[in-house]
Amino acid sequence: MDQTKKPRRRLNILTRTARTKRIFARLREGWAYDDIAKEERLSAERVRQIVGQVLENRVLDRGEDHAHLQLERLRPALRLAGEAVARGELKAIGPLIKLIDRLDKHQGAIVKPFAYTADHRKRLLDKLNFMAANLASDDEDPVLKSEPDEPGREEAAPLGEEAGPQDFFARDLPVTT
């Protein structure tokens, strides 16, 4: 009496998808690969292969989309931890700090750091020099006291290297007298 196993029926796409969903649901519940394999009548190695294939073939979100998703998922926990700290529960301080750390991590993926160029640095230095010159002078600001009939005053303010501190904002903002 030869007892041979009947070959298993091949799974179609629907039953294979249902099996994969069951495997991942059990993984989320904390089941071990061996337990899942017994329940699905597979080997533990085959369960690992199925999980590996699914994870390898999944479509990943862009960094920004993933960060937005994580921020939305952290928001309720942050609210609860903040309320617990507000009630005076000292045990909630640790989780709150961890949540803030996670928020900072994901926020960094969304907010692009601002890169200063040479033009930005030059404009900042010009503004600082303008402010320093105005603080150092005891006179009133010549831009504010300018009169149309003042001798020696040109119509257009000089730009660039020959511009003085009083002319710095004149090119950006109109001066009203």
C-alpha atoms as a PDB file:
ATOM      1  CA  MET A   1       0.000   0.000   0.000  1.00  0.00           C
ATOM      2  CA  ASP A   2       1.695   3.008  -1.248  1.00  0.00           C
ATOM      3  CA  GLN A   3       0.426   6.153   0.265  1.00  0.00           C
ATOM      4  CA  THR A   4       1.294   9.036  -1.939  1.00  0.00           C
ATOM      5  CA  LYS A   5       0.249  12.547  -1.250  1.00  0.00           C
ATOM      6  CA  LYS A   6      -2.111  14.113  -3.651  1.00  0.00           C
ATOM      7  CA  PRO A   7      -0.555  17.134  -5.293  1.00  0.00           C
ATOM      8  CA  ARG A   8      -1.939  20.353  -3.944  1.00  0.00           C
ATOM      9  CA  ARG A   9      -4.231  22.272  -6.126  1.00  0.00           C
ATOM     10  CA  ARG A  10      -2.570  25.282  -7.691  1.00  0.00           C
ATOM     11  CA  LEU A  11      -3.807  28.590  -6.363  1.00  0.00           C
ATOM     12  CA  ASN A  12      -5.279  31.172  -8.663  1.00  0.00           C
ATOM     13  CA  ILE A  13      -4.676  34.892  -8.231  1.00  0.00           C
ATOM     14  CA  LEU A  14      -7.650  35.378  -5.902  1.00  0.00           C
ATOM     15  CA  THR A  15      -6.796  32.582  -3.503  1.00  0.00           C
ATOM     16  CA  ARG A  16      -3.115  33.555  -3.540  1.00  0.00           C
ATOM     17  CA  THR A  17      -4.030  37.158  -2.668  1.00  0.00           C
ATOM     18  CA  ALA A  18      -6.349  35.974   0.106  1.00  0.00           C
ATOM     19  CA  ARG A  19      -3.562  33.768   1.526  1.00  0.00           C
ATOM     20  CA  THR A  20      -1.123  36.693   1.431  1.00  0.00           C
ATOM     21  CA  LYS A  21      -3.614  38.908   3.263  1.00  0.00           C
ATOM     22  CA  ARG A  22      -4.120  36.235   5.913  1.00  0.00           C
ATOM     23  CA  ILE A  23      -0.353  35.862   6.356  1.00  0.00           C
ATOM     24  CA  PHE A  24       0.159  39.606   6.814  1.00  0.00           C
ATOM     25  CA  ALA A  25      -2.831  39.889   9.145  1.00  0.00           C
ATOM     26  CA  ARG A  26      -1.320  37.191  11.328  1.00  0.00           C
ATOM     27  CA  LEU A  27       2.083  38.878  11.221  1.00  0.00           C
ATOM     28  CA  ARG A  28       0.472  42.101  12.425  1.00  0.00           C
ATOM     29  CA  GLU A  29      -1.154  40.145  15.242  1.00  0.00           C
ATOM     30  CA  GLY A  30       2.291  38.950  16.297  1.00  0.00           C
ATOM     31  CA  TRP A  31       2.248  35.358  15.042  1.00  0.00           C
ATOM     32  CA  ALA A  32       5.550  33.597  14.394  1.00  0.00           C
ATOM     33  CA  TYR A  33       6.418  32.270  10.923  1.00  0.00           C
ATOM     34  CA  ASP A  34       6.196  28.677  12.178  1.00  0.00           C
ATOM     35  CA  ASP A  35       2.674  29.188  13.521  1.00  0.00           C
ATOM     36  CA  ILE A  36       1.535  30.836  10.311  1.00  0.00           C
ATOM     37  CA  ALA A  37       3.098  28.014   8.300  1.00  0.00           C
ATOM     38  CA  LYS A  38       1.204  25.363  10.301  1.00  0.00           C
ATOM     39  CA  GLU A  39      -2.075  27.221   9.880  1.00  0.00           C
ATOM     40  CA  GLU A  40      -1.582  27.692   6.113  1.00  0.00           C
ATOM     41  CA  ARG A  41      -0.093  24.190   5.660  1.00  0.00           C
ATOM     42  CA  LEU A  42       3.140  25.580   4.277  1.00  0.00           C
ATOM     43  CA  SER A  43       6.718  25.500   5.403  1.00  0.00           C
ATOM     44  CA  ALA A  44       8.088  28.369   7.468  1.00  0.00           C
ATOM     45  CA  GLU A  45      10.595  29.039   4.691  1.00  0.00           C
ATOM     46  CA  ARG A  46       7.769  29.407   2.152  1.00  0.00           C
ATOM     47  CA  VAL A  47       5.987  31.902   4.418  1.00  0.00           C
ATOM     48  CA  ARG A  48       9.227  33.901   4.611  1.00  0.00           C
ATOM     49  CA  GLN A  49       9.494  33.798   0.805  1.00  0.00           C
ATOM     50  CA  ILE A  50       5.918  35.066   0.391  1.00  0.00           C
ATOM     51  CA  VAL A  51       6.517  37.922   2.849  1.00  0.00           C
ATOM     52  CA  GLY A  52       9.823  38.773   1.168  1.00  0.00           C
ATOM     53  CA  GLN A  53       8.277  38.825  -2.311  1.00  0.00           C
ATOM     54  CA  VAL A  54       5.420  41.080  -1.234  1.00  0.00           C
ATOM     55  CA  LEU A  55       7.744  43.501   0.511  1.00  0.00           C
ATOM     56  CA  GLU A  56      10.120  43.521  -2.449  1.00  0.00           C
ATOM     57  CA  ASN A  57       7.374  44.241  -4.990  1.00  0.00           C
ATOM     58  CA  ARG A  58       5.475  46.880  -3.068  1.00  0.00           C
ATOM     59  CA  VAL A  59       5.386  50.414  -4.382  1.00  0.00           C
ATOM     60  CA  LEU A  60       6.994  52.836  -1.985  1.00  0.00           C
ATOM     61  CA  ASP A  61       5.662  56.304  -1.399  1.00  0.00           C
ATOM     62  CA  ARG A  62       7.839  59.305  -2.068  1.00  0.00           C
ATOM     63  CA  GLY A  63       9.611  60.616   0.989  1.00  0.00           C
ATOM     64  CA  GLU A  64       7.286  63.595   1.355  1.00  0.00           C
ATOM     65  CA  ASP A  65       4.118  61.515   1.021  1.00  0.00           C
ATOM     66  CA  HIS A  66       5.374  59.010   3.564  1.00  0.00           C
ATOM     67  CA  ALA A  67       6.322  61.809   5.969  1.00  0.00           C
ATOM     68  CA  HIS A  68       2.843  63.376   5.649  1.00  0.00           C
ATOM     69  CA  LEU A  69       1.268  59.993   6.342  1.00  0.00           C
ATOM     70  CA  GLN A  70       3.431  59.460   9.417  1.00  0.00           C
ATOM     71  CA  LEU A  71       2.677  62.948  10.726  1.00  0.00           C
ATOM     72  CA  GLU A  72      -1.047  62.274  10.413  1.00  0.00           C
ATOM     73  CA  ARG A  73      -0.646  58.957  12.221  1.00  0.00           C
ATOM     74  CA  LEU A  74       1.313  60.583  15.058  1.00  0.00           C
ATOM     75  CA  ARG A  75      -1.113  63.463  15.587  1.00  0.00           C
ATOM     76  CA  PRO A  76      -3.655  61.607  17.817  1.00  0.00           C
ATOM     77  CA  ALA A  77      -0.881  60.117  19.952  1.00  0.00           C
ATOM     78  CA  LEU A  78       0.703  63.530  20.334  1.00  0.00           C
ATOM     79  CA  ARG A  79      -2.626  65.011  21.423  1.00  0.00           C
ATOM     80  CA  LEU A  80      -3.165  62.259  24.005  1.00  0.00           C
ATOM     81  CA  ALA A  81       0.367  62.516  25.365  1.00  0.00           C
ATOM     82  CA  GLY A  82       0.084  66.310  25.587  1.00  0.00           C
ATOM     83  CA  GLU A  83      -3.208  66.067  27.458  1.00  0.00           C
ATOM     84  CA  ALA A  84      -1.710  63.517  29.861  1.00  0.00           C
ATOM     85  CA  VAL A  85       1.242  65.811  30.591  1.00  0.00           C
ATOM     86  CA  ALA A  86      -1.177  68.719  31.081  1.00  0.00           C
ATOM     87  CA  ARG A  87      -3.045  66.614  33.674  1.00  0.00           C
ATOM     88  CA  GLY A  88       0.244  66.133  35.489  1.00  0.00           C
ATOM     89  CA  GLU A  89       0.970  62.504  34.597  1.00  0.00           C
ATOM     90  CA  LEU A  90       4.738  62.206  34.773  1.00  0.00           C
ATOM     91  CA  LYS A  91       4.753  58.862  32.945  1.00  0.00           C
ATOM     92  CA  ALA A  92       3.551  60.625  29.804  1.00  0.00           C
ATOM     93  CA  ILE A  93       6.643  62.842  29.521  1.00  0.00           C
ATOM     94  CA  GLY A  94       8.832  60.077  28.045  1.00  0.00           C
ATOM     95  CA  PRO A  95       6.349  59.108  25.317  1.00  0.00           C
ATOM     96  CA  LEU A  96       5.735  62.777  24.550  1.00  0.00           C
ATOM     97  CA  ILE A  97       9.462  63.374  24.028  1.00  0.00           C
ATOM     98  CA  LYS A  98       9.666  60.302  21.776  1.00  0.00           C
ATOM     99  CA  LEU A  99       6.701  61.555  19.749  1.00  0.00           C
ATOM    100  CA  ILE A 100       8.256  64.984  19.342  1.00  0.00           C
ATOM    101  CA  ASP A 101      11.493  63.332  18.208  1.00  0.00           C
ATOM    102  CA  ARG A 102       9.564  61.335  15.598  1.00  0.00           C
ATOM    103  CA  LEU A 103       7.740  64.461  14.455  1.00  0.00           C
ATOM    104  CA  ASP A 104      11.049  66.258  14.018  1.00  0.00           C
ATOM    105  CA  LYS A 105      12.400  63.347  11.997  1.00  0.00           C
ATOM    106  CA  HIS A 106       9.449  63.355   9.606  1.00  0.00           C
ATOM    107  CA  GLN A 107       9.169  67.143   9.543  1.00  0.00           C
ATOM    108  CA  GLY A 108      12.724  67.273   8.220  1.00  0.00           C
ATOM    109  CA  ALA A 109      11.635  65.283   5.188  1.00  0.00           C
ATOM    110  CA  ILE A 110       8.876  67.763   4.391  1.00  0.00           C
ATOM    111  CA  VAL A 111      10.495  71.107   5.105  1.00  0.00           C
ATOM    112  CA  LYS A 112      13.330  71.791   2.726  1.00  0.00           C
ATOM    113  CA  PRO A 113      16.298  73.560   4.290  1.00  0.00           C
ATOM    114  CA  PHE A 114      16.890  77.023   2.879  1.00  0.00           C
ATOM    115  CA  ALA A 115      20.220  77.326   1.111  1.00  0.00           C
ATOM    116  CA  TYR A 116      21.809  80.755   1.232  1.00  0.00           C
ATOM    117  CA  THR A 117      23.480  81.882  -1.948  1.00  0.00           C
ATOM    118  CA  ALA A 118      26.148  84.516  -2.360  1.00  0.00           C
ATOM    119  CA  ASP A 119      23.412  86.998  -3.323  1.00  0.00           C
ATOM    120  CA  HIS A 120      21.516  86.321  -0.098  1.00  0.00           C
ATOM    121  CA  ARG A 121      24.668  86.829   1.952  1.00  0.00           C
ATOM    122  CA  LYS A 122      25.461  90.085   0.152  1.00  0.00           C
ATOM    123  CA  ARG A 123      21.960  91.457   0.714  1.00  0.00           C
ATOM    124  CA  LEU A 124      22.103  90.483   4.394  1.00  0.00           C
ATOM    125  CA  LEU A 125      25.468  92.178   4.836  1.00  0.00           C
ATOM    126  CA  ASP A 126      24.188  95.279   3.031  1.00  0.00           C
ATOM    127  CA  LYS A 127      21.225  95.440   5.408  1.00  0.00           C
ATOM    128  CA  LEU A 128      23.472  94.998   8.438  1.00  0.00           C
ATOM    129  CA  ASN A 129      25.833  97.699   7.183  1.00  0.00           C
ATOM    130  CA  PHE A 130      22.862  99.970   6.561  1.00  0.00           C
ATOM    131  CA  MET A 131      21.616  99.469  10.113  1.00  0.00           C
ATOM    132  CA  ALA A 132      25.087  99.937  11.600  1.00  0.00           C
ATOM    133  CA  ALA A 133      25.604 103.170   9.662  1.00  0.00           C
ATOM    134  CA  ASN A 134      22.253 104.512  10.791  1.00  0.00           C
ATOM    135  CA  LEU A 135      22.961 103.641  14.413  1.00  0.00           C
ATOM    136  CA  ALA A 136      26.427 105.200  14.248  1.00  0.00           C
ATOM    137  CA  SER A 137      25.286 108.488  12.726  1.00  0.00           C
ATOM    138  CA  ASP A 138      23.917 111.167  15.016  1.00  0.00           C
ATOM    139  CA  ASP A 139      22.139 112.883  12.149  1.00  0.00           C
ATOM    140  CA  GLU A 140      18.618 112.151  11.019  1.00  0.00           C
ATOM    141  CA  ASP A 141      18.133 109.648   8.230  1.00  0.00           C
ATOM    142  CA  PRO A 142      18.955 111.510   4.989  1.00  0.00           C
ATOM    143  CA  VAL A 143      16.370 109.510   3.027  1.00  0.00           C
ATOM    144  CA  LEU A 144      13.535 110.663   5.266  1.00  0.00           C
ATOM    145  CA  LYS A 145      14.586 114.334   5.341  1.00  0.00           C
ATOM    146  CA  SER A 146      15.332 114.607   1.616  1.00  0.00           C
ATOM    147  CA  GLU A 147      13.825 117.602  -0.084  1.00  0.00           C
ATOM    148  CA  PRO A 148      13.286 117.907  -3.836  1.00  0.00           C
ATOM    149  CA  ASP A 149      15.220 121.204  -4.064  1.00  0.00           C
ATOM    150  CA  GLU A 150      18.238 119.973  -2.113  1.00  0.00           C
ATOM    151  CA  PRO A 151      21.437 120.845  -4.037  1.00  0.00           C
ATOM    152  CA  GLY A 152      23.729 117.954  -4.919  1.00  0.00           C
ATOM    153  CA  ARG A 153      21.021 115.335  -4.595  1.00  0.00           C
ATOM    154  CA  GLU A 154      20.602 113.142  -7.671  1.00  0.00           C
ATOM    155  CA  GLU A 155      17.238 111.828  -8.815  1.00  0.00           C
ATOM    156  CA  ALA A 156      18.224 108.145  -9.017  1.00  0.00           C
ATOM    157  CA  ALA A 157      19.840 106.499  -6.023  1.00  0.00           C
ATOM    158  CA  PRO A 158      23.160 104.820  -6.849  1.00  0.00           C
ATOM    159  CA  LEU A 159      23.138 101.012  -6.764  1.00  0.00           C
ATOM    160  CA  GLY A 160      25.847  98.484  -6.018  1.00  0.00           C
ATOM    161  CA  GLU A 161      29.239  99.428  -4.568  1.00  0.00           C
ATOM    162  CA  GLU A 162      28.668 103.187  -4.757  1.00  0.00           C
ATOM    163  CA  ALA A 163      25.355 102.972  -2.867  1.00  0.00           C
ATOM    164  CA  GLY A 164      25.497 104.329   0.643  1.00  0.00           C
ATOM    165  CA  PRO A 165      23.560 103.023   3.643  1.00  0.00           C
ATOM    166  CA  GLN A 166      20.757 105.504   3.096  1.00  0.00           C
ATOM    167  CA  ASP A 167      20.200 104.181  -0.439  1.00  0.00           C
ATOM    168  CA  PHE A 168      19.915 100.513   0.480  1.00  0.00           C
ATOM    169  CA  PHE A 169      16.183 100.275   1.007  1.00  0.00           C
ATOM    170  CA  ALA A 170      15.430 102.960  -1.569  1.00  0.00           C
ATOM    171  CA  ARG A 171      15.762 100.434  -4.397  1.00  0.00           C
ATOM    172  CA  ASP A 172      13.401  97.935  -2.737  1.00  0.00           C
ATOM    173  CA  LEU A 173      10.799 100.116  -1.064  1.00  0.00           C
ATOM    174  CA  PRO A 174       9.488 103.465  -2.239  1.00  0.00           C
ATOM    175  CA  VAL A 175      10.221 106.226   0.252  1.00  0.00           C
ATOM    176  CA  THR A 176       7.323 108.534   1.040  1.00  0.00           C
ATOM    177  CA  THR A 177       8.016 112.004   2.357  1.00  0.00           C
END
